[in-house]
Amino acid sequence: MTGGDGQLGAESRLQAEDGSAAGEESAAGVTDGTGIASVSVDDDRRFTVGDWTAEETRRAVAAAKTIVVKVGSSSLTQPSGHLDVDKLDALSGAVASVRLAGANVVLVSSGAIAAGFGPLGFASRPTDVATQQACASVGQGLLMAQYETAFGRYGVRVGQLLITAGDTMQPQQYRNARRTMATMLELGVVPIVNENDALASNEIRFGDNDRLSALIANMVRADALVLLTDVDALYTAPPKEPGSRKITFVPNVTAMIDEIRVGGTGSGVGTGGMVTKLEAARMAAVSGIPAVMTCASNAGPALMGDNVGTAFAPVKHRGSAKRLWIKFASHPQGTLVADAGAAAAVRAGRASLLAAGVLETRGDFSAGDAVWIDDEAGNHLARGLVAYDSEEVPDMLGRTTAQLRRLLGDEYAHPLVHRDNLVLV
């Protein structure tokens, strides 16, 4: 499917600018035309999709005590690739106003490579990794220097935090990053977070800061996420196309994300596009975090709860920090293949995964590592923390708890993945 940035392939599960409902829900989020649907959640409670109106979602953003703001490269630079000081100053003023009003703010900012390739004499963004990393090394310093100057005008202190995808995948490093940001916020500092482009590898990296911003929102237990880009909102079709309408509210992003057809930003500066922003909104929504997506020039109004951009309602209750880490940040090291009965129990969200229901194991993992739980067709059902090393599991497969206790000992009479360490995907 093809289309431009901000384009949707269907209007179901969306509210257009005129407030009309467009289409009925499928089984992914069934409605009766009232906009209300129930979906099961990981903690066995029920959350009603449709409980949040557009107005309530925006009010929640305005009232957020902790908020994550993400801005992309193309929103901070000139077409030439140099930093646009006016754009950066305007964004800094909007964020500083929220901080001075008493809210904690984390700014996830792209722009290191974009800020660096112009001063190094490149006409456009380099394509090879080594040159990109060199540009990031130069550009990150320029970016932070400008932020320090801009926020300093308001008496707001900022601090730099560079993160790689590997940092979020390891529990201890994840906790360290979370603790550092929590302390910075307690001290009144605005953390400015970016992927460490100078060290990140192509094999393990975020690739854009949209997903990183959603992970950071989970990490700091944020009350809202604002995604700033170079388009003002989500649209039903390319904005210049006849009949195209702005989408002001998405009550259930998880039910419509597969229907989206979008393209890249086309700026030649950033690495993300509308798809990655919608994925970030989905991650926030299923974590109980309301989100707004709009252009960087609307940062102030978006943070104030004004009717700009596209608002995304949360679709689940906020889970525990551990479960959110398992769902979004952990890096599965292997796979456990469940039989039909075990797969059904996992899908129901109420059962631990026992050895009796596992057909095979794949990969090399240690006790405590994250693993995929798949059905026999290869579909991912869940992520979970496995209780045993990969070399121990084969002797356990297909055996009941009583058999494991009798044949292998009491230490093996436990679930392979306990329900408290298992999260549906």
Protein backbone atom coordinates (compact mmCIF):
# COMPACT_ATOMS: atom_id res chain seq x y z
CA MET A 1 0.00 0.00 0.00
CA THR A 2 1.24 3.49 -0.70
CA GLY A 3 0.60 6.92 0.63
CA GLY A 4 2.09 10.06 2.06
CA ASP A 5 3.09 10.95 5.59
CA GLY A 6 0.14 11.14 7.94
CA GLN A 7 -2.12 9.13 5.65
CA LEU A 8 -4.61 6.50 6.84
CA GLY A 9 -5.89 3.62 4.76
CA ALA A 10 -9.27 3.55 6.55
CA GLU A 11 -11.30 5.78 8.83
CA SER A 12 -12.60 3.12 11.22
CA ARG A 13 -11.89 3.64 14.93
CA LEU A 14 -11.08 7.29 14.37
CA GLN A 15 -12.71 10.61 15.06
CA ALA A 16 -12.35 13.07 12.24
CA GLU A 17 -12.20 16.83 12.61
CA ASP A 18 -15.97 17.17 12.32
CA GLY A 19 -16.43 14.70 15.21
CA SER A 20 -18.18 12.04 13.13
CA ALA A 21 -17.71 8.33 13.76
CA ALA A 22 -16.35 6.55 10.72
CA GLY A 23 -16.98 2.80 10.57
CA GLU A 24 -17.57 0.13 13.16
CA GLU A 25 -14.97 -1.79 15.10
CA SER A 26 -13.75 -5.21 14.12
CA ALA A 27 -13.13 -7.93 16.66
CA ALA A 28 -9.89 -6.21 17.63
CA GLY A 29 -11.93 -3.65 19.53
CA VAL A 30 -15.62 -4.35 19.02
CA THR A 31 -18.12 -1.54 19.30
CA ASP A 32 -21.85 -1.31 18.84
CA GLY A 33 -21.64 2.12 17.23
CA THR A 34 -21.40 3.91 20.58
CA GLY A 35 -17.60 3.95 20.56
CA ILE A 36 -17.45 1.66 23.62
CA ALA A 37 -15.54 -1.60 23.69
CA SER A 38 -14.00 -3.82 26.35
CA VAL A 39 -10.59 -5.44 26.02
CA SER A 40 -8.83 -7.72 28.45
CA VAL A 41 -5.66 -6.47 30.10
CA ASP A 42 -2.62 -8.22 31.48
CA ASP A 43 -3.57 -7.73 35.13
CA ASP A 44 -6.96 -9.42 34.63
CA ARG A 45 -8.90 -6.17 35.09
CA ARG A 46 -11.19 -4.71 32.46
CA PHE A 47 -10.52 -1.41 30.74
CA THR A 48 -13.21 0.21 28.64
CA VAL A 49 -12.04 1.69 25.37
CA GLY A 50 -14.08 4.83 24.90
CA ASP A 51 -13.95 5.88 28.56
CA TRP A 52 -11.61 8.67 27.47
CA THR A 53 -13.02 11.43 25.29
CA ALA A 54 -10.84 13.70 23.19
CA GLU A 55 -11.32 16.51 25.69
CA GLU A 56 -10.39 14.29 28.64
CA THR A 57 -7.30 13.05 26.84
CA ARG A 58 -6.11 16.59 26.16
CA ARG A 59 -6.91 17.71 29.71
CA ALA A 60 -4.83 14.81 31.01
CA VAL A 61 -1.88 16.02 28.94
CA ALA A 62 -2.27 19.56 30.28
CA ALA A 63 -2.52 18.28 33.88
CA ALA A 64 0.38 15.83 33.61
CA LYS A 65 2.81 15.94 36.52
CA THR A 66 5.47 14.18 34.47
CA ILE A 67 5.54 14.52 30.70
CA VAL A 68 7.84 13.30 27.95
CA VAL A 69 8.25 15.48 24.86
CA LYS A 70 9.88 14.08 21.72
CA VAL A 71 11.14 16.25 18.86
CA GLY A 72 12.62 15.00 15.60
CA SER A 73 15.61 16.18 13.61
CA SER A 74 13.61 17.77 10.83
CA SER A 75 11.79 19.94 13.37
CA LEU A 76 15.05 21.44 14.62
CA THR A 77 17.06 22.04 11.46
CA GLN A 78 17.13 24.19 8.36
CA PRO A 79 16.88 22.55 4.93
CA SER A 80 20.64 22.95 4.67
CA GLY A 81 21.13 20.64 7.63
CA HIS A 82 22.22 23.30 10.13
CA LEU A 83 20.44 23.77 13.43
CA ASP A 84 17.57 26.23 13.21
CA VAL A 85 18.13 28.33 16.32
CA ASP A 86 14.70 29.95 16.17
CA LYS A 87 12.94 26.57 16.11
CA LEU A 88 15.04 25.23 18.96
CA ASP A 89 14.52 28.37 21.03
CA ALA A 90 10.74 28.22 20.52
CA LEU A 91 10.62 24.58 21.60
CA SER A 92 12.81 25.28 24.61
CA GLY A 93 10.52 28.11 25.67
CA ALA A 94 7.44 25.88 25.50
CA VAL A 95 9.11 23.12 27.52
CA ALA A 96 10.56 25.58 30.03
CA SER A 97 7.10 27.07 30.62
CA VAL A 98 5.75 23.66 31.58
CA ARG A 99 8.71 23.02 33.86
CA LEU A 100 8.34 26.41 35.57
CA ALA A 101 4.64 25.65 36.11
CA GLY A 102 5.70 22.71 38.29
CA ALA A 103 5.65 19.71 35.97
CA ASN A 104 8.57 17.36 35.44
CA VAL A 105 9.62 17.25 31.78
CA VAL A 106 11.90 14.90 29.87
CA LEU A 107 12.87 16.07 26.38
CA VAL A 108 13.79 13.32 23.93
CA SER A 109 15.59 15.16 21.17
CA SER A 110 16.97 13.93 17.88
CA GLY A 111 19.32 16.15 15.95
CA ALA A 112 22.91 15.13 16.71
CA ILE A 113 23.71 13.83 13.23
CA ALA A 114 21.64 16.55 11.58
CA ALA A 115 23.43 19.21 13.60
CA GLY A 116 26.85 17.79 12.78
CA PHE A 117 26.88 17.07 9.07
CA GLY A 118 26.43 20.71 8.00
CA PRO A 119 29.38 22.08 10.00
CA LEU A 120 31.52 19.17 8.76
CA GLY A 121 30.92 20.25 5.16
CA PHE A 122 28.33 17.71 4.00
CA ALA A 123 25.50 18.95 1.82
CA SER A 124 23.19 16.17 2.99
CA ARG A 125 23.04 13.48 5.64
CA PRO A 126 25.81 10.90 5.11
CA THR A 127 24.69 7.34 4.49
CA ASP A 128 27.61 5.32 5.86
CA VAL A 129 27.57 4.47 9.56
CA ALA A 130 31.10 5.64 10.40
CA THR A 131 30.53 9.14 8.98
CA GLN A 132 27.12 9.38 10.63
CA GLN A 133 28.70 8.53 13.97
CA ALA A 134 31.42 11.14 13.46
CA CYS A 135 28.73 13.71 12.66
CA ALA A 136 26.85 12.70 15.80
CA SER A 137 29.97 13.21 17.91
CA VAL A 138 30.29 16.79 16.64
CA GLY A 139 26.58 17.52 16.48
CA GLN A 140 25.61 16.33 19.96
CA GLY A 141 27.84 18.93 21.56
CA LEU A 142 26.45 21.68 19.33
CA LEU A 143 22.91 20.56 20.08
CA MET A 144 23.39 20.54 23.85
CA ALA A 145 25.20 23.88 23.83
CA GLN A 146 22.23 25.47 22.12
CA TYR A 147 19.77 23.83 24.52
CA GLU A 148 21.76 25.02 27.54
CA THR A 149 21.68 28.58 26.21
CA ALA A 150 17.98 28.45 25.32
CA PHE A 151 16.79 26.95 28.62
CA GLY A 152 19.21 29.12 30.57
CA ARG A 153 17.24 32.20 29.55
CA TYR A 154 14.41 30.85 31.71
CA GLY A 155 16.61 29.73 34.58
CA VAL A 156 16.02 26.06 33.78
CA ARG A 157 18.87 23.60 34.09
CA VAL A 158 19.22 20.81 31.51
CA GLY A 159 21.29 17.64 31.55
CA GLN A 160 22.35 15.27 28.78
CA LEU A 161 21.57 11.55 28.86
CA LEU A 162 22.70 9.40 25.92
CA ILE A 163 21.17 5.93 25.71
CA THR A 164 21.65 2.93 23.44
CA ALA A 165 19.06 0.25 22.79
CA GLY A 166 21.28 -2.16 24.68
CA ASP A 167 20.95 0.00 27.79
CA THR A 168 17.20 -0.52 27.87
CA MET A 169 17.43 -4.26 27.18
CA GLN A 170 19.48 -5.07 30.27
CA PRO A 171 17.52 -4.87 33.55
CA GLN A 172 20.35 -3.38 35.59
CA GLN A 173 21.19 -0.70 33.03
CA TYR A 174 17.49 0.05 32.62
CA ARG A 175 17.17 0.55 36.38
CA ASN A 176 20.28 2.72 36.43
CA ALA A 177 18.91 4.97 33.68
CA ARG A 178 15.54 5.18 35.43
CA ARG A 179 17.20 6.08 38.73
CA THR A 180 19.37 8.75 37.09
CA MET A 181 16.40 10.41 35.39
CA ALA A 182 14.32 10.25 38.57
CA THR A 183 17.08 12.04 40.48
CA MET A 184 17.48 14.65 37.74
CA LEU A 185 13.75 15.37 37.86
CA GLU A 186 13.82 15.62 41.66
CA LEU A 187 16.56 18.23 41.29
CA GLY A 188 14.47 20.26 38.84
CA VAL A 189 16.61 19.35 35.84
CA VAL A 190 15.13 18.75 32.39
CA PRO A 191 16.85 15.59 31.09
CA ILE A 192 17.57 15.82 27.36
CA VAL A 193 17.73 12.27 26.06
CA ASN A 194 19.04 11.07 22.73
CA GLU A 195 20.17 7.76 21.33
CA ASN A 196 23.95 7.52 21.52
CA ASP A 197 24.42 7.57 17.76
CA ALA A 198 28.20 7.64 18.08
CA LEU A 199 28.21 4.20 19.73
CA ALA A 200 25.00 2.50 18.58
CA SER A 201 25.32 -0.36 16.11
CA ASN A 202 22.98 -1.04 13.22
CA GLU A 203 22.21 -4.44 14.71
CA ILE A 204 20.92 -3.08 18.03
CA ARG A 205 19.58 0.44 17.86
CA PHE A 206 16.36 2.37 18.04
CA GLY A 207 16.88 3.95 14.61
CA ASP A 208 14.66 6.85 15.58
CA ASN A 209 13.69 8.45 18.86
CA ASP A 210 9.95 7.77 18.63
CA ARG A 211 10.19 4.32 20.19
CA LEU A 212 12.81 5.61 22.61
CA SER A 213 10.44 8.34 23.78
CA ALA A 214 7.73 5.77 24.56
CA LEU A 215 10.24 3.66 26.49
CA ILE A 216 11.36 6.74 28.41
CA ALA A 217 7.72 7.55 29.18
CA ASN A 218 7.41 4.10 30.75
CA MET A 219 10.75 4.44 32.48
CA VAL A 220 9.83 7.68 34.29
CA ARG A 221 6.18 6.67 34.78
CA ALA A 222 5.08 9.66 32.71
CA ASP A 223 1.51 10.91 32.71
CA ALA A 224 1.62 12.05 29.07
CA LEU A 225 3.66 11.82 25.87
CA VAL A 226 3.85 14.57 23.23
CA LEU A 227 5.31 13.61 19.85
CA LEU A 228 6.47 16.58 17.77
CA THR A 229 7.09 16.14 14.06
CA ASP A 230 6.95 18.12 10.82
CA VAL A 231 3.26 17.51 10.10
CA ASP A 232 0.48 19.01 12.17
CA ALA A 233 -1.60 15.85 12.68
CA LEU A 234 -2.71 12.50 11.33
CA TYR A 235 -4.85 12.59 8.16
CA THR A 236 -7.23 10.21 6.43
CA ALA A 237 -5.30 10.77 3.19
CA PRO A 238 -2.50 13.05 1.98
CA PRO A 239 -3.53 16.55 3.14
CA LYS A 240 -3.56 17.92 -0.42
CA GLU A 241 -5.84 15.14 -1.64
CA PRO A 242 -9.52 16.11 -2.11
CA GLY A 243 -11.64 14.91 0.78
CA SER A 244 -8.69 14.44 3.12
CA ARG A 245 -9.62 15.09 6.74
CA LYS A 246 -7.54 15.73 9.81
CA ILE A 247 -7.86 13.08 12.52
CA THR A 248 -8.12 14.89 15.85
CA PHE A 249 -8.74 11.90 18.13
CA VAL A 250 -7.91 8.19 18.09
CA PRO A 251 -9.74 6.32 20.88
CA ASN A 252 -8.06 2.96 20.19
CA VAL A 253 -4.79 3.11 18.29
CA THR A 254 -4.13 -0.61 18.83
CA ALA A 255 -7.22 -1.55 16.83
CA MET A 256 -6.40 0.58 13.79
CA ILE A 257 -2.61 0.58 13.51
CA ASP A 258 -2.52 -2.25 10.96
CA GLU A 259 -4.76 -0.24 8.63
CA ILE A 260 -2.38 2.69 8.38
CA ARG A 261 -0.55 3.42 5.15
CA VAL A 262 2.07 6.10 5.56
CA GLY A 263 5.37 7.25 4.12
CA GLY A 264 8.50 8.87 5.46
CA THR A 265 8.95 12.50 6.36
CA GLY A 266 10.75 13.22 3.10
CA SER A 267 12.99 15.72 4.85
CA GLY A 268 16.26 13.91 4.22
CA VAL A 269 17.20 14.76 7.80
CA GLY A 270 15.33 12.44 10.16
CA THR A 271 15.19 8.65 10.34
CA GLY A 272 11.61 8.18 11.49
CA GLY A 273 8.23 8.58 9.85
CA MET A 274 4.57 8.45 10.74
CA VAL A 275 4.67 4.68 11.30
CA THR A 276 7.21 4.99 14.11
CA LYS A 277 5.22 7.79 15.73
CA LEU A 278 2.08 5.69 15.67
CA GLU A 279 3.99 2.78 17.17
CA ALA A 280 5.16 5.11 19.95
CA ALA A 281 1.56 6.24 20.48
CA ARG A 282 0.49 2.59 20.64
CA MET A 283 3.18 1.78 23.21
CA ALA A 284 2.01 4.72 25.29
CA ALA A 285 -1.67 3.82 24.92
CA VAL A 286 -1.25 0.24 26.12
CA SER A 287 0.83 1.57 29.01
CA GLY A 288 -2.00 3.83 30.17
CA ILE A 289 -0.36 7.02 28.90
CA PRO A 290 -2.32 9.58 26.81
CA ALA A 291 -0.43 11.02 23.86
CA VAL A 292 -0.63 13.90 21.40
CA MET A 293 1.10 14.11 18.04
CA THR A 294 1.51 17.43 16.24
CA CYS A 295 4.09 19.69 14.62
CA ALA A 296 6.84 21.31 16.67
CA SER A 297 5.37 24.79 16.18
CA ASN A 298 2.32 23.57 18.13
CA ALA A 299 4.38 22.41 21.11
CA GLY A 300 3.06 25.10 23.45
CA PRO A 301 -0.64 24.62 22.63
CA ALA A 302 -0.29 20.83 22.76
CA LEU A 303 1.26 20.98 26.22
CA MET A 304 -1.54 23.30 27.33
CA GLY A 305 -4.19 20.82 26.20
CA ASP A 306 -5.43 22.86 23.24
CA ASN A 307 -7.18 21.19 20.32
CA VAL A 308 -4.15 20.78 18.07
CA GLY A 309 -2.76 17.70 16.37
CA THR A 310 -4.04 14.21 17.07
CA ALA A 311 -4.79 12.95 20.57
CA PHE A 312 -4.46 9.24 21.41
CA ALA A 313 -6.43 7.89 24.36
CA PRO A 314 -4.90 5.25 26.63
CA VAL A 315 -6.45 1.82 26.11
CA LYS A 316 -5.18 -0.04 29.17
CA HIS A 317 -4.39 0.56 32.80
CA ARG A 318 -0.77 1.30 33.58
CA GLY A 319 1.09 -1.90 34.44
CA SER A 320 3.96 -2.43 36.83
CA ALA A 321 7.41 -1.15 35.88
CA LYS A 322 8.64 -4.74 35.52
CA ARG A 323 5.82 -5.77 33.21
CA LEU A 324 6.27 -2.68 31.06
CA TRP A 325 9.99 -3.47 30.76
CA ILE A 326 9.23 -7.06 29.74
CA LYS A 327 6.69 -5.92 27.14
CA PHE A 328 8.62 -3.12 25.47
CA ALA A 329 12.30 -3.07 26.44
CA SER A 330 13.42 -6.64 27.05
CA HIS A 331 15.36 -8.43 24.32
CA PRO A 332 14.18 -12.07 24.00
CA GLN A 333 17.08 -14.50 23.89
CA GLY A 334 15.11 -17.56 22.83
CA THR A 335 11.69 -19.08 22.25
CA LEU A 336 9.41 -21.55 24.03
CA VAL A 337 6.86 -23.18 21.72
CA ALA A 338 3.56 -23.87 23.49
CA ASP A 339 1.10 -26.59 22.52
CA ALA A 340 -2.51 -25.71 21.71
CA GLY A 341 -3.75 -25.99 25.29
CA ALA A 342 -0.92 -23.97 26.77
CA ALA A 343 -1.23 -21.37 24.00
CA ALA A 344 -4.92 -20.93 24.81
CA ALA A 345 -4.12 -20.50 28.49
CA VAL A 346 -1.44 -17.92 27.70
CA ARG A 347 -3.82 -16.01 25.44
CA ALA A 348 -6.34 -15.90 28.28
CA GLY A 349 -3.74 -14.00 30.27
CA ARG A 350 -4.28 -15.89 33.52
CA ALA A 351 -1.85 -18.79 33.52
CA SER A 352 1.81 -19.52 34.04
CA LEU A 353 3.58 -21.49 31.32
CA LEU A 354 4.29 -25.00 32.60
CA ALA A 355 6.78 -27.46 31.16
CA ALA A 356 3.93 -29.88 30.40
CA GLY A 357 2.59 -27.47 27.79
CA VAL A 358 5.85 -26.71 25.97
CA LEU A 359 6.79 -28.66 22.83
CA GLU A 360 10.27 -27.31 22.16
CA THR A 361 12.78 -24.64 23.03
CA ARG A 362 14.96 -22.55 20.73
CA GLY A 363 17.93 -20.34 21.40
CA ASP A 364 20.52 -20.01 24.12
CA PHE A 365 19.28 -18.30 27.28
CA SER A 366 19.90 -18.19 31.01
CA ALA A 367 17.47 -18.16 33.91
CA GLY A 368 16.01 -14.65 34.18
CA ASP A 369 16.37 -13.86 30.48
CA ALA A 370 13.43 -12.73 28.39
CA VAL A 371 12.05 -15.25 25.90
CA TRP A 372 9.28 -15.36 23.33
CA ILE A 373 6.34 -17.65 23.90
CA ASP A 374 5.06 -18.80 20.51
CA ASP A 375 2.23 -21.04 19.37
CA GLU A 376 2.85 -23.98 17.04
CA ALA A 377 2.28 -21.75 13.99
CA GLY A 378 5.12 -19.46 15.05
CA ASN A 379 2.97 -16.56 16.21
CA HIS A 380 4.31 -14.55 19.14
CA LEU A 381 1.88 -14.80 22.05
CA ALA A 382 3.84 -13.26 24.88
CA ARG A 383 7.17 -12.28 26.30
CA GLY A 384 8.28 -13.63 29.64
CA LEU A 385 11.20 -14.14 31.98
CA VAL A 386 12.23 -17.79 31.92
CA ALA A 387 13.07 -19.53 35.20
CA TYR A 388 15.64 -22.00 33.86
CA ASP A 389 18.70 -22.12 31.61
CA SER A 390 18.20 -23.31 28.03
CA GLU A 391 20.21 -26.50 28.66
CA GLU A 392 17.92 -27.44 31.56
CA VAL A 393 14.63 -27.04 29.73
CA PRO A 394 14.68 -29.99 27.27
CA ASP A 395 14.59 -32.57 30.08
CA MET A 396 11.56 -30.80 31.54
CA LEU A 397 9.38 -30.59 28.44
CA GLY A 398 6.09 -32.45 28.48
CA ARG A 399 6.36 -33.41 32.14
CA THR A 400 3.82 -32.57 34.81
CA THR A 401 4.82 -30.81 38.00
CA ALA A 402 4.56 -34.09 39.92
CA GLN A 403 6.77 -35.86 37.39
CA LEU A 404 9.35 -33.06 37.51
CA ARG A 405 9.46 -33.20 41.28
CA ARG A 406 9.87 -36.97 41.29
CA LEU A 407 12.39 -37.24 38.45
CA LEU A 408 14.43 -34.03 38.68
CA GLY A 409 13.82 -32.66 42.17
CA ASP A 410 11.82 -29.91 43.83
CA GLU A 411 13.87 -27.14 42.22
CA TYR A 412 12.41 -28.11 38.84
CA ALA A 413 8.77 -28.23 39.97
CA HIS A 414 8.11 -24.61 39.01
CA PRO A 415 6.65 -22.95 35.90
CA LEU A 416 9.02 -22.24 33.05
CA VAL A 417 7.53 -18.74 32.99
CA HIS A 418 5.46 -17.57 35.94
CA ARG A 419 2.35 -15.52 35.17
CA ASP A 420 3.80 -12.57 37.11
CA ASN A 421 6.69 -12.50 34.62
CA LEU A 422 4.58 -13.00 31.48
CA VAL A 423 3.12 -10.24 29.31
CA LEU A 424 0.94 -10.67 26.24
CA VAL A 425 2.07 -9.01 23.00
